[in-house]
Each structure stands twice: as structure tokens, then as C-alpha cells.
Amino acid sequence: MDCIKRINLSFDLRRDRDRQAYNILVQVQHKTAFIVETVLYYEKDNQNKFDKSTIKQALKEVLSEINFTIDKNNEDGEDEIPDEIFDLFEQL
């Protein structure tokens, strides 16, 4: 039985999210299959997301590589930003 593992879950039904999850699981017949699919779907979805700091750092590096500086006196600044920068965001 080394290949089969158990995880016991506890739900605090005073918390709304716990109660919602518990109510869903109670109704599902094949709980293990449901949990496996849900967790893997969640992980796959989160792997495709970029956090703000990663994007910010990447943008800084790109701007640095092309020796791009922003005139802080120019509030708009959009005319100065190369279209390639906007293309990067559209590809994300």
C-alpha cells in the first residue's frame, strides 16, 4: 500500500469559503478524481500567470538594453515609447 496515500481534510464551517468547498465535495461522488483534476487545473492556470514584479523587472531590462530613458517632465510620454514595448504586452 505504499503507492496509495491518504490526506484528511478539515473544514471550518464558520468560514464561508470552507463551507462552500465542503458543500461541493459532499455532493461529488468521485472525490479523489475531482480533487486531482481541480488541483492540476489550478496549478496549470497559475503557471501561466506573471506577477507584477516580474513584468516590471523585465520591462526595466528591455528599456535598459535599448538605452531608453523617460523624460519625467513629459506627463504623457506615450509618444516616446517604442511600439515594440506595447507588442510585448500584447503577446503575454
N, C-alpha and C. Protein backbone atom coordinates (compact mmCIF):
# COMPACT_ATOMS: atom_id res chain seq x y z
N MET A 1 0.81 -1.20 0.00
CA MET A 1 0.00 0.00 0.00
C MET A 1 0.85 1.26 0.00
N ASP A 2 2.13 1.16 -0.33
CA ASP A 2 2.99 2.34 -0.39
C ASP A 2 2.59 3.29 -1.51
N CYS A 3 1.88 2.78 -2.49
CA CYS A 3 1.53 3.64 -3.62
C CYS A 3 0.23 4.40 -3.39
N ILE A 4 -0.47 4.12 -2.32
CA ILE A 4 -1.71 4.84 -2.00
C ILE A 4 -1.49 5.67 -0.75
N LYS A 5 -1.76 6.95 -0.85
CA LYS A 5 -1.61 7.87 0.29
C LYS A 5 -2.94 8.52 0.59
N ARG A 6 -3.16 8.84 1.86
CA ARG A 6 -4.39 9.50 2.28
C ARG A 6 -4.07 10.89 2.82
N ILE A 7 -4.99 11.79 2.59
CA ILE A 7 -4.93 13.12 3.18
C ILE A 7 -6.28 13.39 3.82
N ASN A 8 -6.26 13.70 5.09
CA ASN A 8 -7.50 14.05 5.78
C ASN A 8 -7.67 15.56 5.73
N LEU A 9 -8.84 16.00 5.36
CA LEU A 9 -9.13 17.43 5.27
C LEU A 9 -10.08 17.85 6.37
N SER A 10 -9.87 19.03 6.89
CA SER A 10 -10.77 19.60 7.89
C SER A 10 -11.31 20.91 7.36
N PHE A 11 -12.58 21.14 7.57
CA PHE A 11 -13.22 22.37 7.12
C PHE A 11 -13.83 23.07 8.32
N ASP A 12 -13.53 24.35 8.46
CA ASP A 12 -14.15 25.16 9.50
C ASP A 12 -15.40 25.77 8.87
N LEU A 13 -16.54 25.22 9.18
CA LEU A 13 -17.79 25.63 8.54
C LEU A 13 -18.25 27.02 8.94
N ARG A 14 -17.53 27.65 9.86
CA ARG A 14 -17.82 29.05 10.19
C ARG A 14 -17.26 29.98 9.12
N ARG A 15 -16.27 29.50 8.38
CA ARG A 15 -15.68 30.30 7.30
C ARG A 15 -16.43 30.00 6.01
N ASP A 16 -16.82 31.06 5.33
CA ASP A 16 -17.65 30.94 4.13
C ASP A 16 -16.99 30.08 3.05
N ARG A 17 -15.72 30.32 2.77
CA ARG A 17 -15.03 29.57 1.71
C ARG A 17 -14.90 28.09 2.06
N ASP A 18 -14.61 27.81 3.32
CA ASP A 18 -14.54 26.41 3.76
C ASP A 18 -15.89 25.73 3.57
N ARG A 19 -16.94 26.42 3.98
CA ARG A 19 -18.29 25.87 3.87
C ARG A 19 -18.66 25.61 2.41
N GLN A 20 -18.31 26.54 1.53
CA GLN A 20 -18.60 26.37 0.10
C GLN A 20 -17.86 25.15 -0.46
N ALA A 21 -16.58 25.04 -0.13
CA ALA A 21 -15.79 23.90 -0.62
C ALA A 21 -16.32 22.59 -0.07
N TYR A 22 -16.65 22.58 1.20
CA TYR A 22 -17.19 21.37 1.83
C TYR A 22 -18.49 20.94 1.15
N ASN A 23 -19.38 21.89 0.91
CA ASN A 23 -20.66 21.57 0.29
C ASN A 23 -20.48 21.01 -1.12
N ILE A 24 -19.50 21.51 -1.83
CA ILE A 24 -19.21 20.97 -3.17
C ILE A 24 -18.70 19.54 -3.06
N LEU A 25 -17.75 19.32 -2.16
CA LEU A 25 -17.16 17.99 -2.02
C LEU A 25 -18.15 16.95 -1.53
N VAL A 26 -19.07 17.35 -0.70
CA VAL A 26 -20.08 16.41 -0.20
C VAL A 26 -20.93 15.87 -1.35
N GLN A 27 -21.18 16.70 -2.34
CA GLN A 27 -22.04 16.31 -3.45
C GLN A 27 -21.32 15.49 -4.52
N VAL A 28 -20.00 15.57 -4.56
CA VAL A 28 -19.23 14.87 -5.60
C VAL A 28 -19.08 13.40 -5.22
N GLN A 29 -19.33 12.51 -6.18
CA GLN A 29 -19.22 11.08 -5.90
C GLN A 29 -17.78 10.59 -5.93
N HIS A 30 -17.03 10.97 -6.94
CA HIS A 30 -15.64 10.51 -7.08
C HIS A 30 -14.71 11.62 -6.60
N LYS A 31 -14.59 11.72 -5.30
CA LYS A 31 -13.89 12.84 -4.68
C LYS A 31 -12.41 12.89 -5.06
N THR A 32 -11.73 11.76 -5.07
CA THR A 32 -10.31 11.76 -5.40
C THR A 32 -10.08 12.26 -6.81
N ALA A 33 -10.84 11.76 -7.76
CA ALA A 33 -10.69 12.21 -9.15
C ALA A 33 -11.01 13.70 -9.26
N PHE A 34 -12.02 14.15 -8.54
CA PHE A 34 -12.39 15.57 -8.57
C PHE A 34 -11.27 16.43 -8.02
N ILE A 35 -10.70 16.03 -6.89
CA ILE A 35 -9.60 16.80 -6.28
C ILE A 35 -8.38 16.82 -7.19
N VAL A 36 -8.04 15.68 -7.77
CA VAL A 36 -6.88 15.61 -8.66
C VAL A 36 -7.06 16.57 -9.84
N GLU A 37 -8.22 16.51 -10.49
CA GLU A 37 -8.47 17.38 -11.63
C GLU A 37 -8.46 18.86 -11.23
N THR A 38 -9.06 19.16 -10.10
CA THR A 38 -9.13 20.54 -9.63
C THR A 38 -7.75 21.10 -9.31
N VAL A 39 -6.95 20.35 -8.60
CA VAL A 39 -5.61 20.81 -8.22
C VAL A 39 -4.73 20.98 -9.46
N LEU A 40 -4.77 20.02 -10.37
CA LEU A 40 -3.94 20.12 -11.57
C LEU A 40 -4.39 21.28 -12.46
N TYR A 41 -5.68 21.51 -12.55
CA TYR A 41 -6.18 22.64 -13.33
C TYR A 41 -5.73 23.96 -12.70
N TYR A 42 -5.82 24.04 -11.38
CA TYR A 42 -5.40 25.24 -10.65
C TYR A 42 -3.91 25.51 -10.88
N GLU A 43 -3.09 24.47 -10.78
CA GLU A 43 -1.65 24.63 -10.98
C GLU A 43 -1.33 25.07 -12.40
N LYS A 44 -1.98 24.46 -13.37
CA LYS A 44 -1.74 24.82 -14.77
C LYS A 44 -2.12 26.28 -15.02
N ASP A 45 -3.24 26.70 -14.46
CA ASP A 45 -3.70 28.07 -14.63
C ASP A 45 -2.72 29.06 -14.00
N ASN A 46 -2.19 28.73 -12.84
CA ASN A 46 -1.27 29.64 -12.14
C ASN A 46 0.12 29.68 -12.76
N GLN A 47 0.51 28.64 -13.47
CA GLN A 47 1.82 28.65 -14.11
C GLN A 47 1.88 29.64 -15.26
N ASN A 48 0.73 29.97 -15.83
CA ASN A 48 0.69 30.88 -16.97
C ASN A 48 0.59 32.34 -16.55
N LYS A 49 0.55 32.62 -15.28
CA LYS A 49 0.39 33.99 -14.81
C LYS A 49 1.75 34.59 -14.46
N PHE A 50 1.88 35.87 -14.74
CA PHE A 50 3.08 36.61 -14.38
C PHE A 50 2.71 37.58 -13.27
N ASP A 51 3.56 37.67 -12.28
CA ASP A 51 3.27 38.64 -11.25
C ASP A 51 3.81 40.01 -11.69
N LYS A 52 3.30 41.03 -11.07
CA LYS A 52 3.61 42.41 -11.45
C LYS A 52 5.11 42.70 -11.37
N SER A 53 5.77 42.20 -10.35
CA SER A 53 7.19 42.49 -10.19
C SER A 53 8.03 41.84 -11.30
N THR A 54 7.63 40.67 -11.77
CA THR A 54 8.35 40.01 -12.85
C THR A 54 8.23 40.83 -14.14
N ILE A 55 7.02 41.29 -14.43
CA ILE A 55 6.80 42.10 -15.63
C ILE A 55 7.56 43.42 -15.52
N LYS A 56 7.51 44.02 -14.35
CA LYS A 56 8.19 45.30 -14.13
C LYS A 56 9.70 45.14 -14.33
N GLN A 57 10.27 44.08 -13.78
CA GLN A 57 11.70 43.84 -13.93
C GLN A 57 12.08 43.58 -15.39
N ALA A 58 11.26 42.80 -16.07
CA ALA A 58 11.53 42.50 -17.48
C ALA A 58 11.47 43.78 -18.32
N LEU A 59 10.50 44.62 -18.04
CA LEU A 59 10.37 45.88 -18.78
C LEU A 59 11.57 46.78 -18.51
N LYS A 60 12.02 46.84 -17.27
CA LYS A 60 13.21 47.64 -16.95
C LYS A 60 14.43 47.14 -17.73
N GLU A 61 14.57 45.81 -17.81
CA GLU A 61 15.71 45.24 -18.53
C GLU A 61 15.64 45.56 -20.02
N VAL A 62 14.45 45.45 -20.59
CA VAL A 62 14.29 45.75 -22.02
C VAL A 62 14.61 47.22 -22.29
N LEU A 63 14.05 48.10 -21.48
CA LEU A 63 14.30 49.53 -21.68
C LEU A 63 15.77 49.87 -21.48
N SER A 64 16.40 49.20 -20.54
CA SER A 64 17.82 49.43 -20.31
C SER A 64 18.66 48.96 -21.50
N GLU A 65 18.30 47.82 -22.07
CA GLU A 65 19.05 47.29 -23.21
C GLU A 65 18.96 48.18 -24.44
N ILE A 66 17.84 48.87 -24.60
CA ILE A 66 17.72 49.74 -25.77
C ILE A 66 18.08 51.19 -25.41
N ASN A 67 18.67 51.37 -24.23
CA ASN A 67 19.09 52.70 -23.76
C ASN A 67 17.95 53.71 -23.81
N PHE A 68 16.79 53.29 -23.35
CA PHE A 68 15.60 54.14 -23.37
C PHE A 68 15.48 54.86 -22.04
N THR A 69 15.31 56.17 -22.09
CA THR A 69 15.09 56.95 -20.88
C THR A 69 13.77 57.70 -21.02
N ILE A 70 13.13 57.93 -19.91
CA ILE A 70 11.84 58.62 -19.91
C ILE A 70 12.04 60.03 -19.37
N ASP A 71 11.50 60.98 -20.10
CA ASP A 71 11.53 62.37 -19.66
C ASP A 71 10.42 62.54 -18.62
N LYS A 72 10.79 62.70 -17.37
CA LYS A 72 9.79 62.78 -16.30
C LYS A 72 8.98 64.07 -16.35
N ASN A 73 9.44 65.06 -17.10
CA ASN A 73 8.67 66.30 -17.25
C ASN A 73 7.54 66.13 -18.25
N ASN A 74 7.64 65.14 -19.11
CA ASN A 74 6.60 64.87 -20.09
C ASN A 74 5.61 63.90 -19.48
N GLU A 75 4.42 64.37 -19.12
CA GLU A 75 3.45 63.53 -18.43
C GLU A 75 2.91 62.41 -19.31
N ASP A 76 2.72 62.69 -20.58
CA ASP A 76 2.14 61.69 -21.49
C ASP A 76 3.16 60.60 -21.76
N GLY A 77 4.23 60.93 -22.39
CA GLY A 77 5.33 60.01 -22.63
C GLY A 77 5.02 58.87 -23.58
N GLU A 78 3.77 58.70 -23.96
CA GLU A 78 3.40 57.57 -24.80
C GLU A 78 4.03 57.67 -26.18
N ASP A 79 4.21 58.90 -26.68
CA ASP A 79 4.81 59.08 -28.00
C ASP A 79 6.26 58.61 -28.02
N GLU A 80 6.91 58.61 -26.87
CA GLU A 80 8.32 58.25 -26.80
C GLU A 80 8.54 56.74 -26.70
N ILE A 81 7.54 56.01 -26.25
CA ILE A 81 7.71 54.57 -26.02
C ILE A 81 7.59 53.83 -27.35
N PRO A 82 8.60 53.03 -27.68
CA PRO A 82 8.56 52.29 -28.95
C PRO A 82 7.40 51.30 -28.99
N ASP A 83 6.84 51.09 -30.17
CA ASP A 83 5.73 50.16 -30.35
C ASP A 83 6.10 48.74 -29.93
N GLU A 84 7.37 48.40 -30.02
CA GLU A 84 7.81 47.05 -29.65
C GLU A 84 7.50 46.74 -28.19
N ILE A 85 7.54 47.76 -27.35
CA ILE A 85 7.24 47.57 -25.92
C ILE A 85 5.78 47.17 -25.76
N PHE A 86 4.89 47.86 -26.46
CA PHE A 86 3.47 47.52 -26.38
C PHE A 86 3.20 46.15 -26.98
N ASP A 87 3.94 45.79 -28.01
CA ASP A 87 3.80 44.47 -28.63
C ASP A 87 4.14 43.37 -27.63
N LEU A 88 5.12 43.61 -26.78
CA LEU A 88 5.49 42.62 -25.76
C LEU A 88 4.31 42.31 -24.85
N PHE A 89 3.60 43.36 -24.43
CA PHE A 89 2.46 43.16 -23.53
C PHE A 89 1.30 42.46 -24.23
N GLU A 90 1.12 42.73 -25.49
CA GLU A 90 0.05 42.08 -26.23
C GLU A 90 0.31 40.58 -26.38
N GLN A 91 1.57 40.19 -26.39
CA GLN A 91 1.92 38.78 -26.55
C GLN A 91 1.77 37.99 -25.26
N LEU A 92 1.67 38.67 -24.12
CA LEU A 92 1.56 37.96 -22.84
C LEU A 92 0.24 37.27 -22.69
